[in-house]
């Protein structure tokens, strides 16, 4: 019974997370969803009031509709619909994101709004996507780089270029680059790796869509302040590194 009780409360929360001020849900509707969609079993309608009260006491922004017969709604979601729209547009315009990745991200973003919010987006015409048709390792590589910076470890990778036959090949016969990574920067619909090499002064940038076989090394990275001074962020801004070409 304890396990069933826990599942029931979680399901009630999930149902409420699909609501907003204009689409509240009452106890009768929640019971119907629990029994028919989630197959919870026979549910006492009065227990829904206790579940909602408990969720409210845990800090969930659940409000009661002005007309109490309409039930409750989630007053605040992780993002407003206009914020989700901005993020979806950014993903759709990203040339380094594959069509499959963009679709997956879009689905996750829509999961952060109400059922009514998702319906609003579904009625909207979608502009032509700038996403690439081929699969990329964008997500995997960004995750790797975030972990590398967190662990203060260097990264290594190979870099590609287009040869005279318009073929994508590894640069310098597959040379492995070792980089002290300081940030990942978004510019002109591409991600750039910003960092430094041990044997060079200043900073260097690489386009992420041209990177191959990226991984974290066992070697600790050199701090940015040691390489470029006490104000590395200011240095990056004054040098306009982010807007310059990658190597």
C-alpha atoms as a PDB file:
ATOM      1  CA  UNK A   1       0.000   0.000   0.000  1.00  0.00           C
ATOM      2  CA  UNK A   2       2.862   2.389   0.787  1.00  0.00           C
ATOM      3  CA  UNK A   3       4.289   1.997  -2.727  1.00  0.00           C
ATOM      4  CA  UNK A   4       0.866   2.546  -4.289  1.00  0.00           C
ATOM      5  CA  UNK A   5       0.373   5.651  -2.157  1.00  0.00           C
ATOM      6  CA  UNK A   6       3.693   7.085  -3.304  1.00  0.00           C
ATOM      7  CA  UNK A   7       2.911   6.386  -6.945  1.00  0.00           C
ATOM      8  CA  UNK A   8      -0.493   8.021  -6.588  1.00  0.00           C
ATOM      9  CA  UNK A   9       0.998  11.257  -5.203  1.00  0.00           C
ATOM     10  CA  UNK A  10       3.574  11.360  -8.001  1.00  0.00           C
ATOM     11  CA  UNK A  11       0.851  10.851 -10.603  1.00  0.00           C
ATOM     12  CA  UNK A  12      -1.246  13.628  -9.069  1.00  0.00           C
ATOM     13  CA  UNK A  13       1.772  15.925  -9.333  1.00  0.00           C
ATOM     14  CA  UNK A  14       2.343  14.911 -12.966  1.00  0.00           C
ATOM     15  CA  UNK A  15      -1.288  15.684 -13.781  1.00  0.00           C
ATOM     16  CA  UNK A  16      -1.076  19.087 -12.131  1.00  0.00           C
ATOM     17  CA  UNK A  17       2.119  19.870 -14.025  1.00  0.00           C
ATOM     18  CA  UNK A  18       0.114  19.790 -17.260  1.00  0.00           C
ATOM     19  CA  UNK A  19      -2.187  22.572 -16.020  1.00  0.00           C
ATOM     20  CA  UNK A  20      -2.058  26.350 -15.950  1.00  0.00           C
ATOM     21  CA  UNK A  21      -4.345  29.159 -14.782  1.00  0.00           C
ATOM     22  CA  UNK A  22      -6.600  28.793 -17.823  1.00  0.00           C
ATOM     23  CA  UNK A  23      -6.816  25.004 -17.656  1.00  0.00           C
ATOM     24  CA  UNK A  24      -7.229  23.867 -14.042  1.00  0.00           C
ATOM     25  CA  UNK A  25      -8.196  20.323 -13.128  1.00  0.00           C
ATOM     26  CA  UNK A  26     -10.544  19.203 -10.349  1.00  0.00           C
ATOM     27  CA  UNK A  27     -10.591  16.154  -8.085  1.00  0.00           C
ATOM     28  CA  UNK A  28     -13.066  14.243 -10.264  1.00  0.00           C
ATOM     29  CA  UNK A  29     -10.900  14.760 -13.367  1.00  0.00           C
ATOM     30  CA  UNK A  30      -7.769  13.729 -11.469  1.00  0.00           C
ATOM     31  CA  UNK A  31      -9.445  10.542 -10.255  1.00  0.00           C
ATOM     32  CA  UNK A  32     -10.536   9.744 -13.814  1.00  0.00           C
ATOM     33  CA  UNK A  33      -6.959  10.143 -15.089  1.00  0.00           C
ATOM     34  CA  UNK A  34      -5.533   8.096 -12.242  1.00  0.00           C
ATOM     35  CA  UNK A  35      -7.919   5.211 -12.837  1.00  0.00           C
ATOM     36  CA  UNK A  36      -8.019   5.217 -16.650  1.00  0.00           C
ATOM     37  CA  UNK A  37      -4.652   6.577 -17.798  1.00  0.00           C
ATOM     38  CA  UNK A  38      -2.373   5.439 -14.986  1.00  0.00           C
ATOM     39  CA  UNK A  39      -4.422   2.406 -13.880  1.00  0.00           C
ATOM     40  CA  UNK A  40      -3.935   3.262 -10.222  1.00  0.00           C
ATOM     41  CA  UNK A  41      -7.116   1.481  -9.170  1.00  0.00           C
ATOM     42  CA  UNK A  42     -10.162   2.681  -7.312  1.00  0.00           C
ATOM     43  CA  UNK A  43      -9.349   6.109  -5.877  1.00  0.00           C
ATOM     44  CA  UNK A  44     -11.148   7.983  -3.130  1.00  0.00           C
ATOM     45  CA  UNK A  45     -11.944  11.447  -4.469  1.00  0.00           C
ATOM     46  CA  UNK A  46     -11.428  12.955  -1.012  1.00  0.00           C
ATOM     47  CA  UNK A  47      -7.822  11.710  -0.949  1.00  0.00           C
ATOM     48  CA  UNK A  48      -6.996  14.044  -3.840  1.00  0.00           C
ATOM     49  CA  UNK A  49      -7.531  17.030  -1.549  1.00  0.00           C
ATOM     50  CA  UNK A  50      -5.030  15.578   0.925  1.00  0.00           C
ATOM     51  CA  UNK A  51      -2.518  14.922  -1.863  1.00  0.00           C
ATOM     52  CA  UNK A  52      -2.793  18.455  -3.200  1.00  0.00           C
ATOM     53  CA  UNK A  53      -2.419  19.925   0.286  1.00  0.00           C
ATOM     54  CA  UNK A  54       0.702  17.832   0.883  1.00  0.00           C
ATOM     55  CA  UNK A  55       2.227  18.908  -2.430  1.00  0.00           C
ATOM     56  CA  UNK A  56       1.528  22.541  -1.562  1.00  0.00           C
ATOM     57  CA  UNK A  57       3.222  22.093   1.816  1.00  0.00           C
ATOM     58  CA  UNK A  58       6.272  20.723  -0.028  1.00  0.00           C
ATOM     59  CA  UNK A  59       6.565  23.993  -1.927  1.00  0.00           C
ATOM     60  CA  UNK A  60       4.894  23.229  -5.246  1.00  0.00           C
ATOM     61  CA  UNK A  61       3.158  26.367  -6.622  1.00  0.00           C
ATOM     62  CA  UNK A  62      -0.299  24.801  -6.839  1.00  0.00           C
ATOM     63  CA  UNK A  63      -3.154  27.288  -6.663  1.00  0.00           C
ATOM     64  CA  UNK A  64      -6.886  26.823  -6.420  1.00  0.00           C
ATOM     65  CA  UNK A  65      -9.017  28.278  -9.211  1.00  0.00           C
ATOM     66  CA  UNK A  66     -11.323  31.190  -8.381  1.00  0.00           C
ATOM     67  CA  UNK A  67     -14.201  28.855  -9.046  1.00  0.00           C
ATOM     68  CA  UNK A  68     -13.294  26.093  -6.596  1.00  0.00           C
ATOM     69  CA  UNK A  69     -15.286  23.584  -8.601  1.00  0.00           C
ATOM     70  CA  UNK A  70     -12.674  23.894 -11.355  1.00  0.00           C
ATOM     71  CA  UNK A  71      -9.997  22.576  -9.009  1.00  0.00           C
ATOM     72  CA  UNK A  72      -6.328  23.531  -9.054  1.00  0.00           C
ATOM     73  CA  UNK A  73      -3.555  24.550 -11.423  1.00  0.00           C
ATOM     74  CA  UNK A  74       0.215  24.863 -11.434  1.00  0.00           C
ATOM     75  CA  UNK A  75       0.811  28.583 -11.012  1.00  0.00           C
ATOM     76  CA  UNK A  76       4.414  28.585 -12.206  1.00  0.00           C
ATOM     77  CA  UNK A  77       6.324  26.330 -14.572  1.00  0.00           C
ATOM     78  CA  UNK A  78      10.071  26.126 -15.078  1.00  0.00           C
ATOM     79  CA  UNK A  79       9.808  28.538 -18.031  1.00  0.00           C
ATOM     80  CA  UNK A  80       7.181  30.858 -19.459  1.00  0.00           C
ATOM     81  CA  UNK A  81       5.949  29.937 -22.936  1.00  0.00           C
ATOM     82  CA  UNK A  82       7.737  32.893 -24.522  1.00  0.00           C
ATOM     83  CA  UNK A  83      11.020  31.708 -22.969  1.00  0.00           C
ATOM     84  CA  UNK A  84      10.468  28.209 -24.363  1.00  0.00           C
ATOM     85  CA  UNK A  85       9.744  29.748 -27.778  1.00  0.00           C
ATOM     86  CA  UNK A  86      13.053  31.654 -27.714  1.00  0.00           C
ATOM     87  CA  UNK A  87      14.996  28.523 -26.779  1.00  0.00           C
ATOM     88  CA  UNK A  88      13.294  26.403 -29.446  1.00  0.00           C
ATOM     89  CA  UNK A  89      14.063  29.041 -32.081  1.00  0.00           C
ATOM     90  CA  UNK A  90      17.717  29.094 -31.048  1.00  0.00           C
ATOM     91  CA  UNK A  91      17.947  25.304 -31.310  1.00  0.00           C
ATOM     92  CA  UNK A  92      16.211  25.274 -34.692  1.00  0.00           C
ATOM     93  CA  UNK A  93      18.646  27.837 -36.096  1.00  0.00           C
ATOM     94  CA  UNK A  94      21.754  26.052 -34.819  1.00  0.00           C
ATOM     95  CA  UNK A  95      23.685  24.635 -37.778  1.00  0.00           C
ATOM     96  CA  UNK A  96      25.765  22.400 -35.516  1.00  0.00           C
ATOM     97  CA  UNK A  97      22.704  20.575 -34.144  1.00  0.00           C
ATOM     98  CA  UNK A  98      21.315  17.598 -36.031  1.00  0.00           C
ATOM     99  CA  UNK A  99      17.644  17.285 -36.956  1.00  0.00           C
ATOM    100  CA  UNK A 100      17.265  14.374 -34.516  1.00  0.00           C
ATOM    101  CA  UNK A 101      18.944  16.304 -31.687  1.00  0.00           C
ATOM    102  CA  UNK A 102      16.783  19.372 -32.368  1.00  0.00           C
ATOM    103  CA  UNK A 103      13.616  17.265 -32.290  1.00  0.00           C
ATOM    104  CA  UNK A 104      14.672  15.685 -28.996  1.00  0.00           C
ATOM    105  CA  UNK A 105      15.464  19.062 -27.388  1.00  0.00           C
ATOM    106  CA  UNK A 106      12.196  20.506 -28.650  1.00  0.00           C
ATOM    107  CA  UNK A 107      10.288  17.652 -27.021  1.00  0.00           C
ATOM    108  CA  UNK A 108      12.040  18.235 -23.706  1.00  0.00           C
ATOM    109  CA  UNK A 109      11.314  21.965 -23.813  1.00  0.00           C
ATOM    110  CA  UNK A 110       7.638  21.352 -24.544  1.00  0.00           C
ATOM    111  CA  UNK A 111       7.555  19.030 -21.544  1.00  0.00           C
ATOM    112  CA  UNK A 112       8.298  22.056 -19.357  1.00  0.00           C
ATOM    113  CA  UNK A 113       5.032  23.813 -20.154  1.00  0.00           C
ATOM    114  CA  UNK A 114       1.373  23.019 -19.597  1.00  0.00           C
ATOM    115  CA  UNK A 115      -0.824  20.880 -21.857  1.00  0.00           C
ATOM    116  CA  UNK A 116      -2.420  24.083 -23.116  1.00  0.00           C
ATOM    117  CA  UNK A 117       1.020  25.563 -23.759  1.00  0.00           C
ATOM    118  CA  UNK A 118       2.027  22.533 -25.848  1.00  0.00           C
ATOM    119  CA  UNK A 119      -1.191  22.885 -27.826  1.00  0.00           C
ATOM    120  CA  UNK A 120      -0.386  26.533 -28.530  1.00  0.00           C
ATOM    121  CA  UNK A 121       2.948  25.543 -30.014  1.00  0.00           C
ATOM    122  CA  UNK A 122       1.419  22.752 -32.093  1.00  0.00           C
ATOM    123  CA  UNK A 123      -0.838  25.277 -33.831  1.00  0.00           C
ATOM    124  CA  UNK A 124       2.135  27.371 -34.917  1.00  0.00           C
ATOM    125  CA  UNK A 125       3.765  27.161 -38.347  1.00  0.00           C
ATOM    126  CA  UNK A 126       7.384  26.060 -38.062  1.00  0.00           C
ATOM    127  CA  UNK A 127      10.015  27.872 -40.151  1.00  0.00           C
ATOM    128  CA  UNK A 128      12.512  25.868 -42.179  1.00  0.00           C
ATOM    129  CA  UNK A 129      15.103  24.331 -39.893  1.00  0.00           C
ATOM    130  CA  UNK A 130      18.809  25.144 -40.178  1.00  0.00           C
ATOM    131  CA  UNK A 131      19.741  21.895 -38.444  1.00  0.00           C
ATOM    132  CA  UNK A 132      22.006  19.452 -40.222  1.00  0.00           C
ATOM    133  CA  UNK A 133      20.702  16.141 -41.539  1.00  0.00           C
ATOM    134  CA  UNK A 134      23.648  14.082 -40.324  1.00  0.00           C
ATOM    135  CA  UNK A 135      24.052  12.960 -36.720  1.00  0.00           C
ATOM    136  CA  UNK A 136      26.523  14.962 -34.647  1.00  0.00           C
ATOM    137  CA  UNK A 137      28.237  14.467 -31.310  1.00  0.00           C
ATOM    138  CA  UNK A 138      27.387  17.951 -30.144  1.00  0.00           C
ATOM    139  CA  UNK A 139      25.685  16.910 -26.909  1.00  0.00           C
ATOM    140  CA  UNK A 140      28.285  14.275 -26.067  1.00  0.00           C
ATOM    141  CA  UNK A 141      31.172  16.689 -26.677  1.00  0.00           C
ATOM    142  CA  UNK A 142      29.633  19.560 -24.702  1.00  0.00           C
ATOM    143  CA  UNK A 143      28.996  17.203 -21.782  1.00  0.00           C
ATOM    144  CA  UNK A 144      32.631  16.063 -21.977  1.00  0.00           C
ATOM    145  CA  UNK A 145      33.929  19.639 -22.022  1.00  0.00           C
ATOM    146  CA  UNK A 146      31.734  20.723 -19.115  1.00  0.00           C
ATOM    147  CA  UNK A 147      33.122  17.822 -17.109  1.00  0.00           C
ATOM    148  CA  UNK A 148      36.695  18.664 -18.150  1.00  0.00           C
ATOM    149  CA  UNK A 149      36.350  22.261 -16.955  1.00  0.00           C
ATOM    150  CA  UNK A 150      34.731  21.105 -13.715  1.00  0.00           C
ATOM    151  CA  UNK A 151      37.603  18.666 -13.090  1.00  0.00           C
ATOM    152  CA  UNK A 152      40.251  21.194 -14.265  1.00  0.00           C
ATOM    153  CA  UNK A 153      41.549  18.701 -16.804  1.00  0.00           C
ATOM    154  CA  UNK A 154      42.886  19.290 -20.311  1.00  0.00           C
ATOM    155  CA  UNK A 155      41.083  17.940 -23.345  1.00  0.00           C
ATOM    156  CA  UNK A 156      42.472  16.347 -26.475  1.00  0.00           C
ATOM    157  CA  UNK A 157      40.942  16.094 -29.940  1.00  0.00           C
ATOM    158  CA  UNK A 158      41.611  15.983 -33.662  1.00  0.00           C
ATOM    159  CA  UNK A 159      40.558  18.767 -36.009  1.00  0.00           C
ATOM    160  CA  UNK A 160      39.100  18.572 -39.505  1.00  0.00           C
ATOM    161  CA  UNK A 161      39.257  20.648 -42.662  1.00  0.00           C
ATOM    162  CA  UNK A 162      37.931  20.455 -46.231  1.00  0.00           C
ATOM    163  CA  UNK A 163      40.505  19.343 -48.813  1.00  0.00           C
ATOM    164  CA  UNK A 164      40.728  20.248 -52.515  1.00  0.00           C
ATOM    165  CA  UNK A 165      38.278  17.471 -53.349  1.00  0.00           C
ATOM    166  CA  UNK A 166      35.696  19.012 -50.985  1.00  0.00           C
ATOM    167  CA  UNK A 167      36.104  16.103 -48.589  1.00  0.00           C
ATOM    168  CA  UNK A 168      36.203  16.394 -44.814  1.00  0.00           C
ATOM    169  CA  UNK A 169      39.575  15.119 -43.598  1.00  0.00           C
ATOM    170  CA  UNK A 170      41.639  15.289 -40.435  1.00  0.00           C
ATOM    171  CA  UNK A 171      43.985  18.259 -40.335  1.00  0.00           C
ATOM    172  CA  UNK A 172      47.754  17.721 -40.231  1.00  0.00           C
ATOM    173  CA  UNK A 173      47.461  13.985 -40.815  1.00  0.00           C
ATOM    174  CA  UNK A 174      45.414  13.452 -37.684  1.00  0.00           C
ATOM    175  CA  UNK A 175      47.468  15.530 -35.271  1.00  0.00           C
ATOM    176  CA  UNK A 176      46.148  15.373 -31.697  1.00  0.00           C
ATOM    177  CA  UNK A 177      45.593  18.791 -30.121  1.00  0.00           C
ATOM    178  CA  UNK A 178      45.916  19.250 -26.342  1.00  0.00           C
ATOM    179  CA  UNK A 179      44.034  22.235 -24.955  1.00  0.00           C
ATOM    180  CA  UNK A 180      43.575  24.000 -21.632  1.00  0.00           C
ATOM    181  CA  UNK A 181      39.847  24.592 -22.042  1.00  0.00           C
ATOM    182  CA  UNK A 182      38.373  27.742 -20.455  1.00  0.00           C
ATOM    183  CA  UNK A 183      34.941  28.138 -21.993  1.00  0.00           C
ATOM    184  CA  UNK A 184      32.566  27.105 -24.767  1.00  0.00           C
ATOM    185  CA  UNK A 185      31.221  30.070 -26.696  1.00  0.00           C
ATOM    186  CA  UNK A 186      28.234  30.379 -29.044  1.00  0.00           C
ATOM    187  CA  UNK A 187      28.701  32.727 -32.012  1.00  0.00           C
ATOM    188  CA  UNK A 188      27.126  32.942 -35.472  1.00  0.00           C
ATOM    189  CA  UNK A 189      25.228  29.657 -35.039  1.00  0.00           C
ATOM    190  CA  UNK A 190      28.337  27.706 -34.077  1.00  0.00           C
ATOM    191  CA  UNK A 191      29.996  26.648 -30.835  1.00  0.00           C
ATOM    192  CA  UNK A 192      33.653  27.479 -30.251  1.00  0.00           C
ATOM    193  CA  UNK A 193      36.137  25.975 -27.819  1.00  0.00           C
ATOM    194  CA  UNK A 194      38.174  28.737 -26.166  1.00  0.00           C
ATOM    195  CA  UNK A 195      41.425  27.810 -24.483  1.00  0.00           C
ATOM    196  CA  UNK A 196      45.197  27.848 -24.607  1.00  0.00           C
ATOM    197  CA  UNK A 197      48.072  25.574 -25.548  1.00  0.00           C
ATOM    198  CA  UNK A 198      50.959  25.057 -23.145  1.00  0.00           C
ATOM    199  CA  UNK A 199      53.532  26.177 -25.715  1.00  0.00           C
ATOM    200  CA  UNK A 200      51.670  29.256 -27.000  1.00  0.00           C
ATOM    201  CA  UNK A 201      50.751  32.597 -25.480  1.00  0.00           C
ATOM    202  CA  UNK A 202      47.207  33.940 -25.449  1.00  0.00           C
ATOM    203  CA  UNK A 203      44.030  32.140 -26.375  1.00  0.00           C
ATOM    204  CA  UNK A 204      42.947  29.987 -29.296  1.00  0.00           C
ATOM    205  CA  UNK A 205      39.502  29.060 -30.591  1.00  0.00           C
ATOM    206  CA  UNK A 206      38.274  25.961 -32.415  1.00  0.00           C
ATOM    207  CA  UNK A 207      34.917  25.339 -34.052  1.00  0.00           C
ATOM    208  CA  UNK A 208      33.151  22.485 -32.316  1.00  0.00           C
ATOM    209  CA  UNK A 209      31.598  21.086 -35.509  1.00  0.00           C
ATOM    210  CA  UNK A 210      35.115  20.494 -36.846  1.00  0.00           C
ATOM    211  CA  UNK A 211      36.293  18.603 -33.763  1.00  0.00           C
ATOM    212  CA  UNK A 212      36.631  14.815 -33.758  1.00  0.00           C
ATOM    213  CA  UNK A 213      37.517  12.216 -31.112  1.00  0.00           C
ATOM    214  CA  UNK A 214      37.349  14.625 -28.176  1.00  0.00           C
ATOM    215  CA  UNK A 215      38.084  13.298 -24.706  1.00  0.00           C
ATOM    216  CA  UNK A 216      39.370  14.348 -21.289  1.00  0.00           C
ATOM    217  CA  UNK A 217      43.039  13.753 -20.512  1.00  0.00           C
ATOM    218  CA  UNK A 218      44.565  12.827 -17.157  1.00  0.00           C
ATOM    219  CA  UNK A 219      46.623  16.031 -17.109  1.00  0.00           C
ATOM    220  CA  UNK A 220      45.469  19.032 -15.087  1.00  0.00           C
ATOM    221  CA  UNK A 221      44.893  22.210 -17.059  1.00  0.00           C
ATOM    222  CA  UNK A 222      46.797  25.466 -16.551  1.00  0.00           C
ATOM    223  CA  UNK A 223      44.638  28.131 -14.926  1.00  0.00           C
ATOM    224  CA  UNK A 224      43.498  30.934 -17.256  1.00  0.00           C
ATOM    225  CA  UNK A 225      44.949  33.583 -14.924  1.00  0.00           C
ATOM    226  CA  UNK A 226      48.357  31.984 -15.247  1.00  0.00           C
ATOM    227  CA  UNK A 227      48.161  32.032 -19.025  1.00  0.00           C
ATOM    228  CA  UNK A 228      46.568  35.421 -19.746  1.00  0.00           C
ATOM    229  CA  UNK A 229      46.541  37.452 -16.534  1.00  0.00           C
ATOM    230  CA  UNK A 230      44.322  38.300 -13.567  1.00  0.00           C
ATOM    231  CA  UNK A 231      41.242  39.247 -15.603  1.00  0.00           C
ATOM    232  CA  UNK A 232      40.773  36.521 -18.242  1.00  0.00           C
ATOM    233  CA  UNK A 233      37.151  37.507 -18.950  1.00  0.00           C
ATOM    234  CA  UNK A 234      38.202  41.088 -19.647  1.00  0.00           C
ATOM    235  CA  UNK A 235      41.044  39.833 -21.841  1.00  0.00           C
ATOM    236  CA  UNK A 236      38.616  37.763 -23.903  1.00  0.00           C
ATOM    237  CA  UNK A 237      36.345  40.773 -24.353  1.00  0.00           C
ATOM    238  CA  UNK A 238      39.046  43.260 -25.301  1.00  0.00           C
ATOM    239  CA  UNK A 239      40.675  40.861 -27.736  1.00  0.00           C
ATOM    240  CA  UNK A 240      37.287  40.097 -29.325  1.00  0.00           C
ATOM    241  CA  UNK A 241      38.444  36.519 -29.511  1.00  0.00           C
ATOM    242  CA  UNK A 242      34.945  35.142 -29.828  1.00  0.00           C
ATOM    243  CA  UNK A 243      34.249  36.980 -33.057  1.00  0.00           C
ATOM    244  CA  UNK A 244      37.528  36.088 -34.739  1.00  0.00           C
ATOM    245  CA  UNK A 245      38.115  33.062 -36.908  1.00  0.00           C
ATOM    246  CA  UNK A 246      39.020  29.719 -35.389  1.00  0.00           C
ATOM    247  CA  UNK A 247      42.368  28.107 -36.117  1.00  0.00           C
END
